[in-house]
PDB file of all heavy atoms in Angstrom:
ATOM      1  N   LYS A   1      -0.210  -8.912   6.923  1.00  0.00           N
ATOM      2  CA  LYS A   1      -0.144  -8.327   5.586  1.00  0.00           C
ATOM      3  C   LYS A   1      -1.531  -8.274   4.926  1.00  0.00           C
ATOM      4  O   LYS A   1      -1.840  -7.356   4.167  1.00  0.00           O
ATOM      5  CB  LYS A   1       0.841  -9.123   4.753  1.00  0.00           C
ATOM      6  CG  LYS A   1       0.321 -10.313   4.006  1.00  0.00           C
ATOM      7  CD  LYS A   1       0.019  -9.975   2.565  1.00  0.00           C
ATOM      8  CE  LYS A   1      -0.528 -11.182   1.821  1.00  0.00           C
ATOM      9  NZ  LYS A   1      -1.013 -10.819   0.430  1.00  0.00           N
ATOM     10  N   ALA A   2      -2.365  -9.254   5.227  1.00  0.00           N
ATOM     11  CA  ALA A   2      -3.715  -9.275   4.668  1.00  0.00           C
ATOM     12  C   ALA A   2      -4.529  -8.131   5.223  1.00  0.00           C
ATOM     13  O   ALA A   2      -5.330  -7.518   4.508  1.00  0.00           O
ATOM     14  CB  ALA A   2      -4.378 -10.612   4.984  1.00  0.00           C
ATOM     15  N   ALA A   3      -4.283  -7.812   6.482  1.00  0.00           N
ATOM     16  CA  ALA A   3      -5.035  -6.736   7.158  1.00  0.00           C
ATOM     17  C   ALA A   3      -4.627  -5.389   6.552  1.00  0.00           C
ATOM     18  O   ALA A   3      -5.479  -4.544   6.206  1.00  0.00           O
ATOM     19  CB  ALA A   3      -4.746  -6.686   8.659  1.00  0.00           C
ATOM     20  N   VAL A   4      -3.331  -5.196   6.266  1.00  0.00           N
ATOM     21  CA  VAL A   4      -2.877  -3.914   5.631  1.00  0.00           C
ATOM     22  C   VAL A   4      -3.306  -3.791   4.217  1.00  0.00           C
ATOM     23  O   VAL A   4      -3.901  -2.774   3.814  1.00  0.00           O
ATOM     24  CB  VAL A   4      -1.284  -3.847   5.734  1.00  0.00           C
ATOM     25  CG1 VAL A   4      -0.817  -2.650   4.980  1.00  0.00           C
ATOM     26  CG2 VAL A   4      -0.836  -3.809   7.148  1.00  0.00           C
ATOM     27  N   CYS A   5      -3.102  -4.843   3.408  1.00  0.00           N
ATOM     28  CA  CYS A   5      -3.483  -4.788   2.039  1.00  0.00           C
ATOM     29  C   CYS A   5      -5.032  -4.704   1.900  1.00  0.00           C
ATOM     30  O   CYS A   5      -5.507  -4.006   1.042  1.00  0.00           O
ATOM     31  CB  CYS A   5      -2.997  -6.060   1.321  1.00  0.00           C
ATOM     32  SG  CYS A   5      -3.154  -6.022  -0.489  1.00  0.00           S
ATOM     33  N   GLY A   6      -5.758  -5.398   2.716  1.00  0.00           N
ATOM     34  CA  GLY A   6      -7.197  -5.339   2.766  1.00  0.00           C
ATOM     35  C   GLY A   6      -7.678  -3.923   3.102  1.00  0.00           C
ATOM     36  O   GLY A   6      -8.642  -3.473   2.501  1.00  0.00           O
ATOM     37  N   ALA A   7      -6.993  -3.320   4.078  1.00  0.00           N
ATOM     38  CA  ALA A   7      -7.385  -1.976   4.451  1.00  0.00           C
ATOM     39  C   ALA A   7      -7.235  -0.994   3.287  1.00  0.00           C
ATOM     40  O   ALA A   7      -8.081  -0.124   3.057  1.00  0.00           O
ATOM     41  CB  ALA A   7      -6.537  -1.488   5.656  1.00  0.00           C
ATOM     42  N   ILE A   8      -6.128  -1.093   2.566  1.00  0.00           N
ATOM     43  CA  ILE A   8      -5.932  -0.240   1.394  1.00  0.00           C
ATOM     44  C   ILE A   8      -6.915  -0.503   0.338  1.00  0.00           C
ATOM     45  O   ILE A   8      -7.484   0.462  -0.312  1.00  0.00           O
ATOM     46  CB  ILE A   8      -4.461  -0.396   0.882  1.00  0.00           C
ATOM     47  CG1 ILE A   8      -3.432   0.042   1.933  1.00  0.00           C
ATOM     48  CG2 ILE A   8      -4.268   0.381  -0.461  1.00  0.00           C
ATOM     49  CD1 ILE A   8      -1.982  -0.259   1.534  1.00  0.00           C
ATOM     50  N   GLY A   9      -7.301  -1.790   0.109  1.00  0.00           N
ATOM     51  CA  GLY A   9      -8.311  -2.165  -0.790  1.00  0.00           C
ATOM     52  C   GLY A   9      -9.654  -1.539  -0.500  1.00  0.00           C
ATOM     53  O   GLY A   9     -10.395  -1.039  -1.332  1.00  0.00           O
ATOM     54  N   VAL A  10     -10.038  -1.502   0.799  1.00  0.00           N
ATOM     55  CA  VAL A  10     -11.269  -0.887   1.270  1.00  0.00           C
ATOM     56  C   VAL A  10     -11.263   0.567   0.919  1.00  0.00           C
ATOM     57  O   VAL A  10     -12.248   1.116   0.441  1.00  0.00           O
ATOM     58  CB  VAL A  10     -11.529  -1.112   2.755  1.00  0.00           C
ATOM     59  CG1 VAL A  10     -12.656  -0.235   3.301  1.00  0.00           C
ATOM     60  CG2 VAL A  10     -11.779  -2.624   3.037  1.00  0.00           C
ATOM     61  N   LEU A  11     -10.166   1.277   1.224  1.00  0.00           N
ATOM     62  CA  LEU A  11     -10.110   2.732   0.948  1.00  0.00           C
ATOM     63  C   LEU A  11     -10.309   2.998  -0.533  1.00  0.00           C
ATOM     64  O   LEU A  11     -11.058   3.940  -0.910  1.00  0.00           O
ATOM     65  CB  LEU A  11      -8.734   3.256   1.347  1.00  0.00           C
ATOM     66  CG  LEU A  11      -8.621   3.684   2.854  1.00  0.00           C
ATOM     67  CD1 LEU A  11      -7.218   4.251   3.099  1.00  0.00           C
ATOM     68  CD2 LEU A  11      -9.702   4.708   3.280  1.00  0.00           C
ATOM     69  N   LEU A  12      -9.603   2.212  -1.378  1.00  0.00           N
ATOM     70  CA  LEU A  12      -9.718   2.414  -2.815  1.00  0.00           C
ATOM     71  C   LEU A  12     -11.189   2.161  -3.278  1.00  0.00           C
ATOM     72  O   LEU A  12     -11.755   2.988  -4.058  1.00  0.00           O
ATOM     73  CB  LEU A  12      -8.794   1.518  -3.609  1.00  0.00           C
ATOM     74  CG  LEU A  12      -7.304   1.833  -3.435  1.00  0.00           C
ATOM     75  CD1 LEU A  12      -6.461   0.750  -4.000  1.00  0.00           C
ATOM     76  CD2 LEU A  12      -6.952   3.145  -4.079  1.00  0.00           C
ATOM     77  N   ASN A  13     -11.805   1.141  -2.791  1.00  0.00           N
ATOM     78  CA  ASN A  13     -13.218   0.780  -3.179  1.00  0.00           C
ATOM     79  C   ASN A  13     -14.198   1.872  -2.679  1.00  0.00           C
ATOM     80  O   ASN A  13     -15.084   2.272  -3.454  1.00  0.00           O
ATOM     81  CB  ASN A  13     -13.616  -0.546  -2.566  1.00  0.00           C
ATOM     82  CG  ASN A  13     -12.861  -1.742  -3.210  1.00  0.00           C
ATOM     83  OD1 ASN A  13     -12.307  -1.559  -4.298  1.00  0.00           O
ATOM     84  ND2 ASN A  13     -12.848  -2.879  -2.542  1.00  0.00           N
ATOM     85  N   LYS A  14     -13.986   2.356  -1.484  1.00  0.00           N
ATOM     86  CA  LYS A  14     -14.873   3.371  -0.954  1.00  0.00           C
ATOM     87  C   LYS A  14     -14.852   4.663  -1.827  1.00  0.00           C
ATOM     88  O   LYS A  14     -15.889   5.323  -1.930  1.00  0.00           O
ATOM     89  CB  LYS A  14     -14.537   3.710   0.513  1.00  0.00           C
ATOM     90  CG  LYS A  14     -14.646   2.590   1.480  1.00  0.00           C
ATOM     91  CD  LYS A  14     -16.064   2.271   1.846  1.00  0.00           C
ATOM     92  CE  LYS A  14     -16.143   1.193   2.987  1.00  0.00           C
ATOM     93  NZ  LYS A  14     -17.474   0.689   3.188  1.00  0.00           N
ATOM     94  N   CYS A  15     -13.653   4.924  -2.268  1.00  0.00           N
ATOM     95  CA  CYS A  15     -13.446   6.173  -3.083  1.00  0.00           C
ATOM     96  C   CYS A  15     -13.613   5.906  -4.557  1.00  0.00           C
ATOM     97  O   CYS A  15     -13.361   6.873  -5.361  1.00  0.00           O
ATOM     98  CB  CYS A  15     -12.062   6.761  -2.769  1.00  0.00           C
ATOM     99  SG  CYS A  15     -11.882   7.150  -0.950  1.00  0.00           S
ATOM    100  N   LYS A  16     -14.017   4.738  -4.996  1.00  0.00           N
ATOM    101  CA  LYS A  16     -14.150   4.423  -6.426  1.00  0.00           C
ATOM    102  C   LYS A  16     -12.901   4.652  -7.221  1.00  0.00           C
ATOM    103  O   LYS A  16     -12.953   5.179  -8.323  1.00  0.00           O
ATOM    104  CB  LYS A  16     -15.325   5.224  -7.002  1.00  0.00           C
ATOM    105  CG  LYS A  16     -16.632   5.189  -6.190  1.00  0.00           C
ATOM    106  CD  LYS A  16     -17.224   3.809  -6.180  1.00  0.00           C
ATOM    107  CE  LYS A  16     -18.577   3.789  -5.414  1.00  0.00           C
ATOM    108  NZ  LYS A  16     -19.143   2.458  -5.272  1.00  0.00           N
ATOM    109  N   LEU A  17     -11.771   4.256  -6.658  1.00  0.00           N
ATOM    110  CA  LEU A  17     -10.504   4.463  -7.322  1.00  0.00           C
ATOM    111  C   LEU A  17      -9.773   3.145  -7.600  1.00  0.00           C
ATOM    112  O   LEU A  17     -10.053   2.166  -6.972  1.00  0.00           O
ATOM    113  CB  LEU A  17      -9.541   5.306  -6.411  1.00  0.00           C
ATOM    114  CG  LEU A  17      -9.993   6.709  -6.148  1.00  0.00           C
ATOM    115  CD1 LEU A  17      -9.144   7.419  -5.076  1.00  0.00           C
ATOM    116  CD2 LEU A  17     -10.081   7.623  -7.404  1.00  0.00           C
ATOM    117  N   LYS A  18      -8.844   3.207  -8.618  1.00  0.00           N
ATOM    118  CA  LYS A  18      -7.985   2.078  -8.892  1.00  0.00           C
ATOM    119  C   LYS A  18      -6.550   2.401  -8.508  1.00  0.00           C
ATOM    120  O   LYS A  18      -6.250   3.619  -8.229  1.00  0.00           O
ATOM    121  CB  LYS A  18      -7.987   1.828 -10.415  1.00  0.00           C
ATOM    122  CG  LYS A  18      -9.432   1.431 -10.973  1.00  0.00           C
ATOM    123  CD  LYS A  18      -9.389   1.219 -12.471  1.00  0.00           C
ATOM    124  CE  LYS A  18     -10.764   0.882 -12.971  1.00  0.00           C
ATOM    125  NZ  LYS A  18     -10.798   0.721 -14.452  1.00  0.00           N
ATOM    126  N   VAL A  19      -5.731   1.415  -8.493  1.00  0.00           N
ATOM    127  CA  VAL A  19      -4.350   1.624  -8.110  1.00  0.00           C
ATOM    128  C   VAL A  19      -3.626   2.612  -9.067  1.00  0.00           C
ATOM    129  O   VAL A  19      -2.695   3.300  -8.714  1.00  0.00           O
ATOM    130  CB  VAL A  19      -3.512   0.310  -7.997  1.00  0.00           C
ATOM    131  CG1 VAL A  19      -3.961  -0.479  -6.852  1.00  0.00           C
ATOM    132  CG2 VAL A  19      -3.616  -0.425  -9.319  1.00  0.00           C
ATOM    133  N   THR A  20      -4.115   2.661 -10.308  1.00  0.00           N
ATOM    134  CA  THR A  20      -3.499   3.531 -11.328  1.00  0.00           C
ATOM    135  C   THR A  20      -3.928   4.974 -11.076  1.00  0.00           C
ATOM    136  O   THR A  20      -3.289   5.911 -11.732  1.00  0.00           O
ATOM    137  CB  THR A  20      -3.895   3.170 -12.718  1.00  0.00           C
ATOM    138  OG1 THR A  20      -5.318   2.958 -12.799  1.00  0.00           O
ATOM    139  CG2 THR A  20      -3.242   1.796 -13.169  1.00  0.00           C
ATOM    140  N   ASP A  21      -4.900   5.239 -10.235  1.00  0.00           N
ATOM    141  CA  ASP A  21      -5.311   6.610 -10.006  1.00  0.00           C
ATOM    142  C   ASP A  21      -4.444   7.308  -8.931  1.00  0.00           C
ATOM    143  O   ASP A  21      -4.427   8.521  -8.795  1.00  0.00           O
ATOM    144  CB  ASP A  21      -6.786   6.647  -9.488  1.00  0.00           C
ATOM    145  CG  ASP A  21      -7.806   6.225 -10.503  1.00  0.00           C
ATOM    146  OD1 ASP A  21      -7.598   6.627 -11.652  1.00  0.00           O
ATOM    147  OD2 ASP A  21      -8.687   5.465 -10.167  1.00  0.00           O
ATOM    148  N   VAL A  22      -3.688   6.518  -8.147  1.00  0.00           N
ATOM    149  CA  VAL A  22      -2.889   7.069  -7.102  1.00  0.00           C
ATOM    150  C   VAL A  22      -1.516   7.499  -7.676  1.00  0.00           C
ATOM    151  O   VAL A  22      -0.847   6.752  -8.341  1.00  0.00           O
ATOM    152  CB  VAL A  22      -2.633   6.049  -5.975  1.00  0.00           C
ATOM    153  CG1 VAL A  22      -1.691   6.562  -4.921  1.00  0.00           C
ATOM    154  CG2 VAL A  22      -3.954   5.588  -5.351  1.00  0.00           C
ATOM    155  N   ARG A  23      -1.167   8.766  -7.481  1.00  0.00           N
ATOM    156  CA  ARG A  23      -0.010   9.377  -8.089  1.00  0.00           C
ATOM    157  C   ARG A  23       1.150   9.574  -7.098  1.00  0.00           C
ATOM    158  O   ARG A  23       2.337   9.676  -7.497  1.00  0.00           O
ATOM    159  CB  ARG A  23      -0.320  10.688  -8.770  1.00  0.00           C
ATOM    160  CG  ARG A  23      -1.474  10.631  -9.761  1.00  0.00           C
ATOM    161  CD  ARG A  23      -1.311   9.515 -10.775  1.00  0.00           C
ATOM    162  NE  ARG A  23      -0.111   9.628 -11.580  1.00  0.00           N
ATOM    163  CZ  ARG A  23       0.015  10.315 -12.757  1.00  0.00           C
ATOM    164  NH1 ARG A  23      -1.109  10.831 -13.191  1.00  0.00           N
ATOM    165  NH2 ARG A  23       1.127  10.345 -13.376  1.00  0.00           N
ATOM    166  N   GLN A  24       0.907   9.634  -5.818  1.00  0.00           N
ATOM    167  CA  GLN A  24       1.903   9.790  -4.820  1.00  0.00           C
ATOM    168  C   GLN A  24       1.690   8.835  -3.645  1.00  0.00           C
ATOM    169  O   GLN A  24       0.546   8.699  -3.176  1.00  0.00           O
ATOM    170  CB  GLN A  24       1.923  11.247  -4.275  1.00  0.00           C
ATOM    171  CG  GLN A  24       1.982  12.367  -5.286  1.00  0.00           C
ATOM    172  CD  GLN A  24       3.288  12.328  -6.070  1.00  0.00           C
ATOM    173  OE1 GLN A  24       4.325  11.922  -5.595  1.00  0.00           O
ATOM    174  NE2 GLN A  24       3.217  12.900  -7.269  1.00  0.00           N
ATOM    175  N   VAL A  25       2.733   8.078  -3.321  1.00  0.00           N
ATOM    176  CA  VAL A  25       2.702   7.172  -2.167  1.00  0.00           C
ATOM    177  C   VAL A  25       3.776   7.607  -1.154  1.00  0.00           C
ATOM    178  O   VAL A  25       4.951   7.654  -1.512  1.00  0.00           O
ATOM    179  CB  VAL A  25       2.933   5.678  -2.592  1.00  0.00           C
ATOM    180  CG1 VAL A  25       2.982   4.799  -1.389  1.00  0.00           C
ATOM    181  CG2 VAL A  25       1.809   5.229  -3.564  1.00  0.00           C
ATOM    182  N   TYR A  26       3.357   7.910   0.065  1.00  0.00           N
ATOM    183  CA  TYR A  26       4.240   8.368   1.109  1.00  0.00           C
ATOM    184  C   TYR A  26       4.321   7.260   2.140  1.00  0.00           C
ATOM    185  O   TYR A  26       3.294   6.901   2.730  1.00  0.00           O
ATOM    186  CB  TYR A  26       3.715   9.666   1.736  1.00  0.00           C
ATOM    187  CG  TYR A  26       3.628  10.795   0.752  1.00  0.00           C
ATOM    188  CD1 TYR A  26       2.405  11.149   0.111  1.00  0.00           C
ATOM    189  CD2 TYR A  26       4.729  11.559   0.380  1.00  0.00           C
ATOM    190  CE1 TYR A  26       2.359  12.146  -0.774  1.00  0.00           C
ATOM    191  CE2 TYR A  26       4.684  12.613  -0.460  1.00  0.00           C
ATOM    192  CZ  TYR A  26       3.486  12.924  -1.086  1.00  0.00           C
ATOM    193  OH  TYR A  26       3.413  14.005  -1.967  1.00  0.00           O
ATOM    194  N   LEU A  27       5.538   6.754   2.357  1.00  0.00           N
ATOM    195  CA  LEU A  27       5.771   5.705   3.356  1.00  0.00           C
ATOM    196  C   LEU A  27       6.417   6.335   4.555  1.00  0.00           C
ATOM    197  O   LEU A  27       7.544   6.837   4.503  1.00  0.00           O
ATOM    198  CB  LEU A  27       6.613   4.561   2.774  1.00  0.00           C
ATOM    199  CG  LEU A  27       6.083   3.876   1.556  1.00  0.00           C
ATOM    200  CD1 LEU A  27       7.063   2.823   1.038  1.00  0.00           C
ATOM    201  CD2 LEU A  27       4.691   3.236   1.850  1.00  0.00           C
ATOM    202  N   ALA A  28       5.719   6.315   5.715  1.00  0.00           N
ATOM    203  CA  ALA A  28       6.221   6.918   6.915  1.00  0.00           C
ATOM    204  C   ALA A  28       6.843   5.928   7.869  1.00  0.00           C
ATOM    205  O   ALA A  28       6.564   4.696   7.804  1.00  0.00           O
ATOM    206  CB  ALA A  28       5.102   7.686   7.608  1.00  0.00           C
ATOM    207  N   GLY A  29       7.682   6.439   8.770  1.00  0.00           N
ATOM    208  CA  GLY A  29       8.242   5.596   9.830  1.00  0.00           C
ATOM    209  C   GLY A  29       9.322   4.671   9.365  1.00  0.00           C
ATOM    210  O   GLY A  29       9.839   4.663   8.268  1.00  0.00           O
ATOM    211  N   ALA A  30       9.672   3.717  10.295  1.00  0.00           N
ATOM    212  CA  ALA A  30      10.746   2.790  10.022  1.00  0.00           C
ATOM    213  C   ALA A  30      10.414   1.860   8.891  1.00  0.00           C
ATOM    214  O   ALA A  30      11.304   1.432   8.152  1.00  0.00           O
ATOM    215  CB  ALA A  30      11.016   1.964  11.314  1.00  0.00           C
ATOM    216  N   PHE A  31       9.109   1.515   8.703  1.00  0.00           N
ATOM    217  CA  PHE A  31       8.738   0.624   7.595  1.00  0.00           C
ATOM    218  C   PHE A  31       9.154   1.262   6.308  1.00  0.00           C
ATOM    219  O   PHE A  31       9.702   0.544   5.459  1.00  0.00           O
ATOM    220  CB  PHE A  31       7.220   0.377   7.667  1.00  0.00           C
ATOM    221  CG  PHE A  31       6.748  -0.479   6.540  1.00  0.00           C
ATOM    222  CD1 PHE A  31       6.725  -1.888   6.626  1.00  0.00           C
ATOM    223  CD2 PHE A  31       6.216   0.082   5.368  1.00  0.00           C
ATOM    224  CE1 PHE A  31       6.255  -2.667   5.614  1.00  0.00           C
ATOM    225  CE2 PHE A  31       5.770  -0.718   4.287  1.00  0.00           C
ATOM    226  CZ  PHE A  31       5.831  -2.128   4.433  1.00  0.00           C
ATOM    227  N   GLY A  32       8.853   2.532   6.106  1.00  0.00           N
ATOM    228  CA  GLY A  32       9.220   3.201   4.849  1.00  0.00           C
ATOM    229  C   GLY A  32      10.712   3.394   4.704  1.00  0.00           C
ATOM    230  O   GLY A  32      11.222   3.413   3.584  1.00  0.00           O
ATOM    231  N   ALA A  33      11.379   3.567   5.829  1.00  0.00           N
ATOM    232  CA  ALA A  33      12.848   3.908   5.769  1.00  0.00           C
ATOM    233  C   ALA A  33      13.720   2.666   5.532  1.00  0.00           C
ATOM    234  O   ALA A  33      14.741   2.778   4.845  1.00  0.00           O
ATOM    235  CB  ALA A  33      13.257   4.573   7.014  1.00  0.00           C
ATOM    236  N   TYR A  34      13.291   1.522   6.096  1.00  0.00           N
ATOM    237  CA  TYR A  34      14.212   0.369   6.116  1.00  0.00           C
ATOM    238  C   TYR A  34      13.736  -0.823   5.326  1.00  0.00           C
ATOM    239  O   TYR A  34      14.497  -1.715   4.940  1.00  0.00           O
ATOM    240  CB  TYR A  34      14.476  -0.109   7.576  1.00  0.00           C
ATOM    241  CG  TYR A  34      14.985   0.985   8.449  1.00  0.00           C
ATOM    242  CD1 TYR A  34      14.341   1.353   9.617  1.00  0.00           C
ATOM    243  CD2 TYR A  34      16.172   1.630   8.136  1.00  0.00           C
ATOM    244  CE1 TYR A  34      14.867   2.404  10.458  1.00  0.00           C
ATOM    245  CE2 TYR A  34      16.696   2.647   8.935  1.00  0.00           C
ATOM    246  CZ  TYR A  34      16.032   3.009  10.056  1.00  0.00           C
ATOM    247  OH  TYR A  34      16.544   4.004  10.930  1.00  0.00           O
ATOM    248  N   THR A  35      12.402  -0.936   5.032  1.00  0.00           N
ATOM    249  CA  THR A  35      11.885  -2.086   4.343  1.00  0.00           C
ATOM    250  C   THR A  35      12.195  -2.018   2.852  1.00  0.00           C
ATOM    251  O   THR A  35      12.089  -0.966   2.212  1.00  0.00           O
ATOM    252  CB  THR A  35      10.380  -2.199   4.589  1.00  0.00           C
ATOM    253  OG1 THR A  35      10.100  -2.294   5.961  1.00  0.00           O
ATOM    254  CG2 THR A  35       9.816  -3.440   3.871  1.00  0.00           C
ATOM    255  N   ASN A  36      12.591  -3.168   2.322  1.00  0.00           N
ATOM    256  CA  ASN A  36      12.758  -3.294   0.850  1.00  0.00           C
ATOM    257  C   ASN A  36      11.403  -3.304   0.209  1.00  0.00           C
ATOM    258  O   ASN A  36      10.614  -4.246   0.388  1.00  0.00           O
ATOM    259  CB  ASN A  36      13.518  -4.618   0.533  1.00  0.00           C
ATOM    260  CG  ASN A  36      13.853  -4.768  -0.915  1.00  0.00           C
ATOM    261  OD1 ASN A  36      13.087  -4.370  -1.771  1.00  0.00           O
ATOM    262  ND2 ASN A  36      15.041  -5.329  -1.231  1.00  0.00           N
ATOM    263  N   LEU A  37      11.075  -2.240  -0.545  1.00  0.00           N
ATOM    264  CA  LEU A  37       9.777  -2.138  -1.108  1.00  0.00           C
ATOM    265  C   LEU A  37       9.418  -3.223  -2.098  1.00  0.00           C
ATOM    266  O   LEU A  37       8.227  -3.666  -2.193  1.00  0.00           O
ATOM    267  CB  LEU A  37       9.616  -0.757  -1.781  1.00  0.00           C
ATOM    268  CG  LEU A  37       8.182  -0.374  -2.230  1.00  0.00           C
ATOM    269  CD1 LEU A  37       7.212  -0.356  -1.113  1.00  0.00           C
ATOM    270  CD2 LEU A  37       8.171   1.000  -2.931  1.00  0.00           C
ATOM    271  N   ALA A  38      10.434  -3.698  -2.821  1.00  0.00           N
ATOM    272  CA  ALA A  38      10.213  -4.825  -3.748  1.00  0.00           C
ATOM    273  C   ALA A  38       9.747  -6.098  -3.016  1.00  0.00           C
ATOM    274  O   ALA A  38       8.834  -6.788  -3.455  1.00  0.00           O
ATOM    275  CB  ALA A  38      11.485  -5.115  -4.546  1.00  0.00           C
ATOM    276  N   SER A  39      10.331  -6.355  -1.851  1.00  0.00           N
ATOM    277  CA  SER A  39       9.944  -7.500  -1.014  1.00  0.00           C
ATOM    278  C   SER A  39       8.500  -7.315  -0.489  1.00  0.00           C
ATOM    279  O   SER A  39       7.765  -8.231  -0.476  1.00  0.00           O
ATOM    280  CB  SER A  39      10.906  -7.663   0.151  1.00  0.00           C
ATOM    281  OG  SER A  39      12.194  -8.013  -0.296  1.00  0.00           O
ATOM    282  N   ALA A  40       8.143  -6.059  -0.092  1.00  0.00           N
ATOM    283  CA  ALA A  40       6.878  -5.785   0.491  1.00  0.00           C
ATOM    284  C   ALA A  40       5.800  -5.950  -0.576  1.00  0.00           C
ATOM    285  O   ALA A  40       4.750  -6.479  -0.217  1.00  0.00           O
ATOM    286  CB  ALA A  40       6.853  -4.348   1.051  1.00  0.00           C
ATOM    287  N   THR A  41       6.045  -5.556  -1.783  1.00  0.00           N
ATOM    288  CA  THR A  41       4.991  -5.706  -2.788  1.00  0.00           C
ATOM    289  C   THR A  41       4.956  -7.156  -3.339  1.00  0.00           C
ATOM    290  O   THR A  41       3.892  -7.653  -3.649  1.00  0.00           O
ATOM    291  CB  THR A  41       5.279  -4.775  -3.960  1.00  0.00           C
ATOM    292  OG1 THR A  41       6.638  -4.840  -4.436  1.00  0.00           O
ATOM    293  CG2 THR A  41       5.003  -3.275  -3.575  1.00  0.00           C
ATOM    294  N   LYS A  42       6.117  -7.836  -3.390  1.00  0.00           N
ATOM    295  CA  LYS A  42       6.107  -9.235  -3.790  1.00  0.00           C
ATOM    296  C   LYS A  42       5.287 -10.066  -2.803  1.00  0.00           C
ATOM    297  O   LYS A  42       4.589 -10.971  -3.231  1.00  0.00           O
ATOM    298  CB  LYS A  42       7.554  -9.740  -3.836  1.00  0.00           C
ATOM    299  CG  LYS A  42       7.674 -11.170  -4.297  1.00  0.00           C
ATOM    300  CD  LYS A  42       9.099 -11.652  -4.421  1.00  0.00           C
ATOM    301  CE  LYS A  42       9.241 -13.030  -5.012  1.00  0.00           C
ATOM    302  NZ  LYS A  42       8.757 -13.130  -6.441  1.00  0.00           N
ATOM    303  N   LEU A  43       5.417  -9.790  -1.539  1.00  0.00           N
ATOM    304  CA  LEU A  43       4.678 -10.470  -0.553  1.00  0.00           C
ATOM    305  C   LEU A  43       3.231 -10.055  -0.508  1.00  0.00           C
ATOM    306  O   LEU A  43       2.388 -10.871  -0.093  1.00  0.00           O
ATOM    307  CB  LEU A  43       5.321 -10.266   0.856  1.00  0.00           C
ATOM    308  CG  LEU A  43       4.810 -11.120   2.006  1.00  0.00           C
ATOM    309  CD1 LEU A  43       4.956 -12.595   1.737  1.00  0.00           C
ATOM    310  CD2 LEU A  43       5.614 -10.743   3.257  1.00  0.00           C
ATOM    311  N   GLY A  44       2.924  -8.861  -0.985  1.00  0.00           N
ATOM    312  CA  GLY A  44       1.555  -8.378  -1.016  1.00  0.00           C
ATOM    313  C   GLY A  44       1.116  -7.553   0.174  1.00  0.00           C
ATOM    314  O   GLY A  44      -0.052  -7.416   0.495  1.00  0.00           O
ATOM    315  N   ILE A  45       2.113  -6.885   0.849  1.00  0.00           N
ATOM    316  CA  ILE A  45       1.779  -6.021   1.942  1.00  0.00           C
ATOM    317  C   ILE A  45       1.215  -4.733   1.373  1.00  0.00           C
ATOM    318  O   ILE A  45       0.207  -4.176   1.796  1.00  0.00           O
ATOM    319  CB  ILE A  45       3.019  -5.711   2.833  1.00  0.00           C
ATOM    320  CG1 ILE A  45       3.515  -7.068   3.428  1.00  0.00           C
ATOM    321  CG2 ILE A  45       2.660  -4.733   3.908  1.00  0.00           C
ATOM    322  CD1 ILE A  45       4.903  -6.889   4.103  1.00  0.00           C
TER     323      ILE A  45
END
């Protein structure tokens, strides 16, 4: 989870963006289809 969250953090930093700048989030694959998003964000993925 640290690798995934850290990777997203690197992308945002490289592009000089904040989480509030992102307007669309697309979750692909089984992770997006079956995972409880509230649990994923609570854990920090």
